[in-house]
Amino acid sequence: MKYSILIVDDEPGIRESLTDVLEDEGYGVESVGSGEACLETLQTRKFDAVLLDIWLPGLDGIQVLEKIQALEAPPTVIMISGHGTIETAVRSTKLGAFDFIEKPLSIDKTLLTLRHALEQSHLAAQNRELRAELRGRDRIIGDSIPLRALRQQLQLAAPTHGRVLIYGESGTGKELVAHALHNHSQRAEQPFVEVNCAAIPEELIESELFGHIKGSFTGALEDKTGKFEQAHGGSLFLDEVGDMSLRTQSKVLRVIEEQRFTPVGSGSNLTVDVRIIAATNKHLEDEIQKGNFREDLLYRLNVIPFYVPALREHAEDIPTLANFFLAEFARAYGRRPKHFAETAMEILLAYRWPGNVRELKNLVERLVIMVPGERIERRHLPPSLHQDGPRSTPAAKFPTGGFSSLQEARTAYERDYILRTLDEHQGNVSRTAEALGLERSHLYRKMRSLGIAVGS
């Protein structure tokens, strides 16, 4: 990669010597003699770094630095000066300069500083791209009423610091929701740390959560930083929290209440600022009755409850999800785009999906890899999908062959879903709208469009 450098200095000799040195090192170089010329050049061309003199005619280097930092994507700036003071150097770095180099310039130091500045800038750009990519992956795909309600709830809850407990069957996308909560929160630039409480042995989970001191137990060969400390300032995702032992639950409860903990084997407390997001596929109220879960911990975790519906509860989203995964895996494996035949899609719609969205995603990945053509037929689907019985949910009353279009099937499902929710709330439209995650006026419009009497 060839980096481009802009030199800004009013001394022609310095511009020429720096240009020669940097070009010999493989950089692309331009130079100007004033701050005004620097800003004009940056308006028309992009540079990876600017070597900026402090003492310039007209606008001085500090003024130019301030204007550079106001650009949408500012380059890395290294200040240079023959009359530098500590105060000037400190002010430069506070304004965003990477470093401050004094004249007469040491070629070795200049090259080393420039290399470090470009490396850091490159890493920062990679991190921004990675964060943008990860945020793209937390999209909740689907336009059904349950998923629209889930997205609306996310918009309300994500910017807060409230603890969240996510309920849902395995494979529904609870981890996706946890990522979305973090990525759309005020802590998005801070760590998101995950702990699968079901996957860590009981004897190790305290060390995993709180860390330990070297020698605190057999096998503790060095100090270990726990997940709570790693998540300081950010979010800690406790996946499958219902599988955590009672002993560990009591310690987690104490951390939530006091925001401090003691690493295993340590005699001193650590203070943390962590937002807890927990998830479970169990009915924790039942676990409390069985003596497996602490009631007080449930109250602490369940400040904002989320429910991620099973795929069979929003089956009208199956075509959207399946086609999304088709495109995603085709890109990932460098394959030509594929599509489902209508008969194949009918099978997907009729299947109950006990493994939920995860099962659908895994199936689509397999089909992208194994089906040679561009059209996925019914015969390409595994026998287990063909043998599945009728749905046990209310969606079963809408057989896929009974509609002339997907839109007709979706409309029928939405009407049924709203009617059932109205019935659950004794016809109270306000409570129904709240349960569906819709504005009351929006629900009225939806009911009229679906032919549901407003007095129902």
Protein backbone atom coordinates (compact mmCIF):
# COMPACT_ATOMS: atom_id res chain seq x y z
CA MET A 1 0.00 0.00 0.00
CA LYS A 2 1.46 3.37 -1.05
CA TYR A 3 0.69 6.10 1.47
CA SER A 4 0.30 9.73 0.38
CA ILE A 5 1.93 12.51 2.42
CA LEU A 6 1.39 16.28 2.31
CA ILE A 7 4.27 18.47 3.54
CA VAL A 8 3.35 21.98 4.75
CA ASP A 9 6.33 24.26 5.40
CA ASP A 10 7.24 27.79 4.27
CA GLU A 11 10.91 26.89 3.83
CA PRO A 12 11.54 25.52 0.28
CA GLY A 13 14.71 23.72 1.38
CA ILE A 14 12.87 21.69 4.02
CA ARG A 15 10.05 20.84 1.59
CA GLU A 16 12.55 19.63 -1.01
CA SER A 17 14.69 17.57 1.39
CA LEU A 18 11.67 15.94 3.05
CA THR A 19 10.14 15.18 -0.35
CA ASP A 20 13.33 13.47 -1.53
CA VAL A 21 13.64 11.38 1.64
CA LEU A 22 9.98 10.30 1.69
CA GLU A 23 9.87 9.48 -2.01
CA ASP A 24 12.99 7.33 -1.56
CA GLU A 25 11.01 5.48 1.15
CA GLY A 26 8.19 4.78 -1.31
CA TYR A 27 5.67 7.42 -0.23
CA GLY A 28 3.65 9.58 -2.60
CA VAL A 29 4.50 13.19 -1.67
CA GLU A 30 3.15 16.68 -2.34
CA SER A 31 4.24 19.91 -0.66
CA VAL A 32 2.84 23.42 -0.18
CA GLY A 33 4.19 26.55 1.47
CA SER A 34 1.24 27.87 3.49
CA GLY A 35 -1.69 26.85 5.65
CA GLU A 36 -4.18 28.25 3.14
CA ALA A 37 -2.63 26.16 0.35
CA CYS A 38 -2.75 23.10 2.64
CA LEU A 39 -6.49 23.48 3.26
CA GLU A 40 -7.19 24.07 -0.45
CA THR A 41 -5.22 20.93 -1.35
CA LEU A 42 -7.09 18.84 1.23
CA GLN A 43 -10.39 19.94 -0.29
CA THR A 44 -9.51 18.29 -3.61
CA ARG A 45 -7.27 15.34 -2.69
CA LYS A 46 -7.03 12.81 0.14
CA PHE A 47 -3.79 12.24 2.08
CA ASP A 48 -2.93 9.67 4.69
CA ALA A 49 -0.72 12.05 6.71
CA VAL A 50 0.26 15.72 6.89
CA LEU A 51 3.64 17.01 8.13
CA LEU A 52 2.60 20.47 9.32
CA ASP A 53 4.93 23.30 10.37
CA ILE A 54 3.81 25.45 13.31
CA TRP A 55 5.21 28.76 12.05
CA LEU A 56 3.55 29.63 8.76
CA PRO A 57 2.67 32.91 7.04
CA GLY A 58 -1.03 33.75 7.34
CA LEU A 59 -2.77 30.91 9.15
CA ASP A 60 -0.36 29.31 11.62
CA GLY A 61 -0.02 25.56 12.12
CA ILE A 62 -2.33 25.41 15.14
CA GLN A 63 -5.12 27.17 13.24
CA VAL A 64 -4.61 24.85 10.26
CA LEU A 65 -4.65 21.81 12.57
CA GLU A 66 -8.02 22.88 14.02
CA LYS A 67 -9.48 23.22 10.52
CA ILE A 68 -8.05 19.84 9.43
CA GLN A 69 -9.60 18.12 12.45
CA ALA A 70 -12.98 19.58 11.45
CA LEU A 71 -12.87 17.72 8.12
CA GLU A 72 -15.15 14.70 7.69
CA ALA A 73 -12.23 12.23 7.44
CA PRO A 74 -9.11 14.08 8.61
CA PRO A 75 -5.65 12.71 7.82
CA THR A 76 -3.10 12.00 10.54
CA VAL A 77 -1.17 15.17 11.41
CA ILE A 78 2.42 15.39 12.70
CA MET A 79 3.49 18.88 13.81
CA ILE A 80 7.02 20.15 13.15
CA SER A 81 8.67 23.35 14.47
CA GLY A 82 12.02 24.96 15.14
CA HIS A 83 10.58 27.07 17.94
CA GLY A 84 8.54 24.52 19.81
CA THR A 85 7.61 24.75 23.47
CA ILE A 86 6.10 22.19 25.78
CA GLU A 87 2.90 24.25 25.87
CA THR A 88 2.67 24.22 22.06
CA ALA A 89 3.34 20.49 21.89
CA VAL A 90 0.67 19.75 24.50
CA ARG A 91 -1.86 21.98 22.74
CA SER A 92 -1.14 20.29 19.40
CA THR A 93 -1.72 16.79 20.75
CA LYS A 94 -4.89 17.91 22.54
CA LEU A 95 -6.18 19.21 19.22
CA GLY A 96 -5.58 15.80 17.65
CA ALA A 97 -2.00 15.85 16.31
CA PHE A 98 -0.31 12.44 16.47
CA ASP A 99 3.07 13.82 17.57
CA PHE A 100 5.31 16.90 17.65
CA ILE A 101 8.82 16.89 16.10
CA GLU A 102 11.37 19.65 16.65
CA LYS A 103 13.67 21.12 14.02
CA PRO A 104 16.36 20.50 12.93
CA LEU A 105 14.61 17.34 11.84
CA SER A 106 16.18 13.96 12.47
CA ILE A 107 15.45 11.89 9.38
CA ASP A 108 15.37 8.65 11.37
CA LYS A 109 12.99 10.08 13.98
CA THR A 110 10.77 11.64 11.32
CA LEU A 111 10.47 8.37 9.41
CA LEU A 112 9.83 6.37 12.59
CA THR A 113 7.16 8.80 13.80
CA LEU A 114 5.50 8.84 10.38
CA ARG A 115 5.49 5.03 10.21
CA HIS A 116 3.92 4.75 13.67
CA ALA A 117 1.32 7.39 12.80
CA LEU A 118 0.31 5.60 9.60
CA GLU A 119 0.15 2.21 11.35
CA GLN A 120 -2.14 3.61 14.05
CA SER A 121 -4.31 5.37 11.48
CA HIS A 122 -4.58 2.15 9.45
CA LEU A 123 -5.59 0.15 12.53
CA ALA A 124 -8.17 2.77 13.50
CA ALA A 125 -9.67 2.62 9.99
CA GLN A 126 -9.80 -1.19 10.16
CA ASN A 127 -11.54 -1.00 13.54
CA ARG A 128 -14.11 1.44 12.17
CA GLU A 129 -14.79 -0.85 9.22
CA LEU A 130 -15.07 -3.89 11.51
CA ARG A 131 -17.49 -2.09 13.84
CA ALA A 132 -19.58 -1.01 10.86
CA GLU A 133 -19.61 -4.60 9.58
CA LEU A 134 -20.57 -5.98 12.98
CA ARG A 135 -23.34 -3.43 13.33
CA GLY A 136 -24.64 -4.52 9.96
CA ARG A 137 -24.81 -8.08 11.25
CA ASP A 138 -27.10 -7.21 14.13
CA ARG A 139 -29.97 -6.38 11.76
CA ILE A 140 -33.20 -8.12 12.65
CA ILE A 141 -34.53 -9.44 9.35
CA GLY A 142 -38.27 -9.68 8.83
CA ASP A 143 -41.36 -7.50 8.55
CA SER A 144 -43.83 -9.47 10.68
CA ILE A 145 -45.64 -7.82 13.58
CA PRO A 146 -43.55 -9.66 16.24
CA LEU A 147 -40.28 -8.53 14.67
CA ARG A 148 -41.43 -4.98 14.09
CA ALA A 149 -42.41 -4.86 17.76
CA LEU A 150 -38.99 -6.26 18.70
CA ARG A 151 -37.19 -3.58 16.66
CA GLN A 152 -39.31 -0.85 18.24
CA GLN A 153 -38.49 -2.18 21.70
CA LEU A 154 -34.79 -2.16 20.78
CA GLN A 155 -34.97 1.48 19.77
CA LEU A 156 -36.43 2.37 23.15
CA ALA A 157 -34.22 0.20 25.35
CA ALA A 158 -30.81 0.34 23.64
CA PRO A 159 -29.85 3.96 24.52
CA THR A 160 -30.51 3.36 28.23
CA HIS A 161 -28.35 1.70 30.88
CA GLY A 162 -31.16 -0.59 32.05
CA ARG A 163 -30.40 -4.29 32.50
CA VAL A 164 -32.06 -6.54 29.94
CA LEU A 165 -33.22 -10.16 30.16
CA ILE A 166 -33.84 -11.80 26.78
CA TYR A 167 -36.19 -14.79 26.69
CA GLY A 168 -36.52 -17.18 23.78
CA GLU A 169 -35.96 -20.71 22.53
CA SER A 170 -32.53 -21.83 21.38
CA GLY A 171 -31.69 -20.58 17.91
CA THR A 172 -34.13 -17.67 17.85
CA GLY A 173 -31.44 -14.97 17.79
CA LYS A 174 -31.07 -13.88 21.42
CA GLU A 175 -27.35 -13.19 20.88
CA LEU A 176 -28.22 -11.05 17.85
CA VAL A 177 -30.55 -8.96 20.02
CA ALA A 178 -27.84 -8.60 22.68
CA HIS A 179 -25.36 -7.31 20.06
CA ALA A 180 -27.97 -4.90 18.71
CA LEU A 181 -28.65 -3.55 22.21
CA HIS A 182 -24.95 -2.88 22.71
CA ASN A 183 -24.24 -1.51 19.24
CA HIS A 184 -27.08 1.01 19.48
CA SER A 185 -26.28 2.05 23.06
CA GLN A 186 -24.10 4.82 24.49
CA ARG A 187 -21.53 2.11 25.21
CA ALA A 188 -21.14 1.05 21.57
CA GLU A 189 -17.46 2.08 21.41
CA GLN A 190 -16.68 0.11 24.58
CA PRO A 191 -16.23 -3.69 24.93
CA PHE A 192 -19.00 -6.22 24.39
CA VAL A 193 -18.01 -9.34 26.34
CA GLU A 194 -19.87 -12.66 26.13
CA VAL A 195 -20.06 -15.49 28.64
CA ASN A 196 -21.88 -18.75 27.88
CA CYS A 197 -22.87 -19.82 31.38
CA ALA A 198 -23.83 -23.30 30.18
CA ALA A 199 -20.47 -24.00 28.53
CA ILE A 200 -18.15 -23.22 31.46
CA PRO A 201 -17.56 -25.89 34.15
CA GLU A 202 -18.84 -24.97 37.60
CA GLU A 203 -15.35 -24.99 39.11
CA LEU A 204 -14.10 -22.43 36.55
CA ILE A 205 -16.99 -20.01 36.13
CA GLU A 206 -16.04 -17.78 39.09
CA SER A 207 -12.54 -17.41 37.70
CA GLU A 208 -14.01 -16.73 34.24
CA LEU A 209 -16.33 -14.01 35.53
CA PHE A 210 -14.19 -12.37 38.22
CA GLY A 211 -10.61 -13.34 37.29
CA HIS A 212 -8.01 -14.81 39.62
CA ILE A 213 -4.58 -14.19 41.09
CA LYS A 214 -1.62 -16.40 40.20
CA GLY A 215 -1.38 -19.34 42.61
CA SER A 216 -4.90 -18.89 43.99
CA PHE A 217 -5.76 -22.50 43.04
CA THR A 218 -4.20 -25.46 41.30
CA GLY A 219 -3.61 -24.55 37.68
CA ALA A 220 -3.65 -20.77 38.25
CA LEU A 221 -0.23 -20.25 36.68
CA GLU A 222 -0.70 -16.54 36.02
CA ASP A 223 -3.07 -13.69 36.80
CA LYS A 224 -6.31 -13.76 34.82
CA THR A 225 -8.58 -10.83 34.01
CA GLY A 226 -12.24 -11.76 34.46
CA LYS A 227 -15.10 -10.99 32.12
CA PHE A 228 -16.55 -8.31 34.39
CA GLU A 229 -13.29 -6.39 34.32
CA GLN A 230 -12.91 -6.91 30.55
CA ALA A 231 -16.39 -5.43 30.04
CA HIS A 232 -15.69 -2.31 32.14
CA GLY A 233 -17.42 0.65 30.49
CA GLY A 234 -19.28 -1.64 28.10
CA SER A 235 -21.74 -4.54 28.15
CA LEU A 236 -21.50 -8.05 29.60
CA PHE A 237 -23.71 -10.66 27.92
CA LEU A 238 -24.57 -13.58 30.22
CA ASP A 239 -25.92 -16.16 27.78
CA GLU A 240 -27.96 -19.07 29.20
CA VAL A 241 -27.95 -17.41 32.61
CA GLY A 242 -30.45 -20.02 33.84
CA ASP A 243 -27.63 -22.60 33.87
CA MET A 244 -25.54 -20.65 36.38
CA SER A 245 -25.09 -22.30 39.78
CA LEU A 246 -26.72 -20.82 42.88
CA ARG A 247 -23.32 -20.02 44.36
CA THR A 248 -22.28 -18.05 41.30
CA GLN A 249 -25.70 -16.40 41.13
CA SER A 250 -25.21 -14.94 44.60
CA LYS A 251 -21.85 -13.45 43.60
CA VAL A 252 -23.24 -12.01 40.37
CA LEU A 253 -26.11 -10.51 42.36
CA ARG A 254 -23.61 -8.80 44.67
CA VAL A 255 -21.68 -7.34 41.72
CA ILE A 256 -24.90 -6.00 40.21
CA GLU A 257 -25.87 -4.36 43.48
CA GLU A 258 -22.45 -2.98 44.44
CA GLN A 259 -20.67 -2.68 41.05
CA ARG A 260 -17.55 -4.18 42.59
CA PHE A 261 -16.08 -7.65 43.11
CA THR A 262 -13.01 -9.50 44.36
CA PRO A 263 -10.97 -11.68 41.96
CA VAL A 264 -10.43 -15.26 43.15
CA GLY A 265 -7.50 -15.30 45.58
CA SER A 266 -7.29 -11.51 45.84
CA GLY A 267 -7.75 -9.42 48.95
CA SER A 268 -8.79 -6.23 47.18
CA ASN A 269 -11.97 -5.15 45.42
CA LEU A 270 -12.27 -3.94 41.83
CA THR A 271 -14.95 -1.42 40.84
CA VAL A 272 -16.63 -1.78 37.45
CA ASP A 273 -19.22 0.00 35.33
CA VAL A 274 -20.96 -2.71 33.30
CA ARG A 275 -24.36 -3.03 31.68
CA ILE A 276 -25.68 -6.56 32.14
CA ILE A 277 -27.56 -8.21 29.27
CA ALA A 278 -28.70 -11.75 30.09
CA ALA A 279 -30.47 -14.41 28.03
CA THR A 280 -32.17 -17.71 28.76
CA ASN A 281 -34.16 -20.42 27.02
CA LYS A 282 -35.67 -21.51 30.35
CA HIS A 283 -38.74 -20.34 32.24
CA LEU A 284 -36.91 -18.78 35.19
CA GLU A 285 -40.08 -18.59 37.28
CA ASP A 286 -40.27 -22.40 37.06
CA GLU A 287 -36.57 -22.62 37.94
CA ILE A 288 -37.22 -20.48 41.02
CA GLN A 289 -39.98 -22.85 42.12
CA LYS A 290 -37.57 -25.78 41.70
CA GLY A 291 -34.93 -23.98 43.79
CA ASN A 292 -32.54 -23.64 40.84
CA PHE A 293 -32.61 -19.85 40.43
CA ARG A 294 -32.60 -16.93 42.84
CA GLU A 295 -35.73 -14.82 42.77
CA ASP A 296 -33.84 -11.66 43.77
CA LEU A 297 -31.41 -12.13 40.87
CA LEU A 298 -34.33 -12.45 38.45
CA TYR A 299 -35.70 -9.12 39.69
CA ARG A 300 -32.29 -7.48 39.18
CA LEU A 301 -31.82 -8.87 35.67
CA ASN A 302 -35.38 -8.46 34.45
CA VAL A 303 -35.50 -4.65 34.42
CA ILE A 304 -36.31 -4.65 30.69
CA PRO A 305 -37.64 -8.03 29.49
CA PHE A 306 -37.32 -8.97 25.82
CA TYR A 307 -39.02 -11.91 24.12
CA VAL A 308 -37.56 -13.23 20.86
CA PRO A 309 -40.29 -15.22 19.11
CA ALA A 310 -39.75 -18.71 17.75
CA LEU A 311 -39.58 -18.87 13.96
CA ARG A 312 -42.92 -20.71 13.79
CA GLU A 313 -44.49 -17.64 15.47
CA HIS A 314 -43.49 -15.38 12.58
CA ALA A 315 -43.45 -17.90 9.76
CA GLU A 316 -44.29 -15.23 7.17
CA ASP A 317 -40.68 -14.02 7.56
CA ILE A 318 -39.27 -17.36 6.35
CA PRO A 319 -38.99 -16.32 2.66
CA THR A 320 -37.27 -13.05 3.59
CA LEU A 321 -34.84 -14.80 5.93
CA ALA A 322 -34.12 -17.66 3.53
CA ASN A 323 -33.37 -15.30 0.65
CA PHE A 324 -31.23 -13.10 2.89
CA PHE A 325 -29.13 -16.10 3.94
CA LEU A 326 -28.91 -17.27 0.31
CA ALA A 327 -27.38 -13.95 -0.73
CA GLU A 328 -25.11 -13.81 2.34
CA PHE A 329 -23.63 -17.29 1.82
CA ALA A 330 -23.35 -16.85 -1.96
CA ARG A 331 -21.13 -13.82 -1.30
CA ALA A 332 -19.18 -15.60 1.43
CA TYR A 333 -18.40 -18.64 -0.75
CA GLY A 334 -18.04 -16.79 -4.03
CA ARG A 335 -21.02 -18.63 -5.58
CA ARG A 336 -23.52 -17.38 -8.11
CA PRO A 337 -26.84 -16.24 -6.56
CA LYS A 338 -29.44 -18.97 -6.05
CA HIS A 339 -33.18 -18.89 -5.56
CA PHE A 340 -35.84 -21.21 -4.17
CA ALA A 341 -38.42 -22.84 -6.42
CA GLU A 342 -41.99 -22.17 -5.29
CA THR A 343 -42.48 -25.81 -4.26
CA ALA A 344 -39.31 -25.70 -2.15
CA MET A 345 -40.46 -22.52 -0.44
CA GLU A 346 -43.78 -24.18 0.37
CA ILE A 347 -41.89 -26.90 2.24
CA LEU A 348 -39.91 -24.27 4.19
CA LEU A 349 -43.13 -22.49 5.12
CA ALA A 350 -44.83 -25.69 6.28
CA TYR A 351 -41.95 -26.93 8.45
CA ARG A 352 -42.06 -26.19 12.20
CA TRP A 353 -38.34 -25.27 12.59
CA PRO A 354 -37.61 -26.63 16.09
CA GLY A 355 -34.10 -25.18 15.75
CA ASN A 356 -35.56 -21.81 14.75
CA VAL A 357 -33.60 -19.26 12.69
CA ARG A 358 -30.30 -21.01 13.40
CA GLU A 359 -31.64 -24.21 11.82
CA LEU A 360 -32.86 -22.29 8.76
CA LYS A 361 -29.51 -20.51 8.41
CA ASN A 362 -27.56 -23.78 8.63
CA LEU A 363 -29.82 -25.39 6.04
CA VAL A 364 -29.40 -22.50 3.60
CA GLU A 365 -25.61 -22.60 4.01
CA ARG A 366 -25.64 -26.32 3.19
CA LEU A 367 -27.81 -25.71 0.10
CA VAL A 368 -25.55 -22.93 -1.17
CA ILE A 369 -22.57 -25.29 -0.90
CA MET A 370 -24.15 -28.51 -2.16
CA VAL A 371 -26.70 -27.52 -4.83
CA PRO A 372 -24.84 -27.08 -8.13
CA GLY A 373 -27.46 -25.09 -10.00
CA GLU A 374 -29.02 -21.70 -9.36
CA ARG A 375 -32.49 -23.06 -8.55
CA ILE A 376 -33.13 -24.92 -5.30
CA GLU A 377 -35.88 -27.49 -5.86
CA ARG A 378 -38.04 -29.41 -3.42
CA ARG A 379 -35.89 -32.53 -4.05
CA HIS A 380 -32.80 -30.71 -2.74
CA LEU A 381 -34.34 -30.30 0.72
CA PRO A 382 -33.59 -32.94 3.39
CA PRO A 383 -36.26 -35.64 4.04
CA SER A 384 -36.86 -34.39 7.58
CA LEU A 385 -38.49 -31.25 6.19
CA HIS A 386 -40.90 -33.27 4.02
CA GLN A 387 -41.86 -35.57 6.92
CA ASP A 388 -42.70 -32.80 9.36
CA GLY A 389 -46.30 -32.79 10.56
CA PRO A 390 -48.70 -29.86 10.64
CA ARG A 391 -47.88 -26.89 12.81
CA SER A 392 -48.98 -27.01 16.40
CA THR A 393 -49.30 -23.21 16.51
CA PRO A 394 -52.27 -21.14 15.35
CA ALA A 395 -50.39 -20.43 12.09
CA ALA A 396 -51.45 -23.96 11.03
CA LYS A 397 -54.91 -22.76 10.16
CA PHE A 398 -53.36 -21.03 7.13
CA PRO A 399 -52.07 -23.82 4.83
CA THR A 400 -49.55 -22.45 2.33
CA GLY A 401 -51.51 -23.75 -0.64
CA GLY A 402 -54.66 -21.78 0.31
CA PHE A 403 -53.45 -18.38 -0.87
CA SER A 404 -52.78 -16.94 -4.29
CA SER A 405 -49.74 -14.96 -3.12
CA LEU A 406 -47.32 -14.51 -0.23
CA GLN A 407 -48.84 -11.08 0.45
CA GLU A 408 -52.27 -12.69 0.89
CA ALA A 409 -50.82 -15.22 3.35
CA ARG A 410 -49.02 -12.47 5.27
CA THR A 411 -52.19 -10.36 5.50
CA ALA A 412 -54.16 -13.36 6.80
CA TYR A 413 -51.53 -14.09 9.43
CA GLU A 414 -51.40 -10.46 10.61
CA ARG A 415 -55.19 -10.35 10.92
CA ASP A 416 -55.21 -13.56 12.95
CA TYR A 417 -52.34 -12.39 15.16
CA ILE A 418 -54.04 -9.08 15.97
CA LEU A 419 -57.39 -10.78 16.65
CA ARG A 420 -55.75 -13.27 19.04
CA THR A 421 -53.90 -10.47 20.85
CA LEU A 422 -57.11 -8.42 21.11
CA ASP A 423 -58.85 -11.46 22.56
CA GLU A 424 -56.03 -11.92 25.12
CA HIS A 425 -56.59 -8.31 26.27
CA GLN A 426 -60.40 -8.50 26.28
CA GLY A 427 -60.66 -6.20 23.27
CA ASN A 428 -58.74 -3.34 24.91
CA VAL A 429 -57.03 -1.60 21.97
CA SER A 430 -54.56 0.38 24.11
CA ARG A 431 -53.25 -2.71 25.91
CA THR A 432 -53.19 -4.63 22.60
CA ALA A 433 -51.14 -1.88 20.94
CA GLU A 434 -48.70 -1.94 23.86
CA ALA A 435 -48.37 -5.74 23.63
CA LEU A 436 -47.73 -5.55 19.88
CA GLY A 437 -45.22 -2.72 20.25
CA LEU A 438 -47.31 -0.36 18.08
CA GLU A 439 -48.66 3.14 18.51
CA ARG A 440 -52.40 3.09 19.29
CA SER A 441 -53.18 5.13 16.13
CA HIS A 442 -51.04 2.76 14.03
CA LEU A 443 -52.96 -0.24 15.36
CA TYR A 444 -56.30 1.42 14.53
CA ARG A 445 -55.15 2.03 10.95
CA LYS A 446 -53.87 -1.55 10.67
CA MET A 447 -57.17 -2.94 12.02
CA ARG A 448 -59.20 -0.91 9.50
CA SER A 449 -56.95 -2.02 6.62
CA LEU A 450 -57.41 -5.68 7.67
CA GLY A 451 -61.17 -5.40 8.02
CA ILE A 452 -61.19 -5.75 11.82
CA ALA A 453 -63.98 -3.80 13.46
CA VAL A 454 -62.49 -1.15 15.74
CA GLY A 455 -64.95 -2.12 18.46
CA SER A 456 -63.71 -5.76 18.38
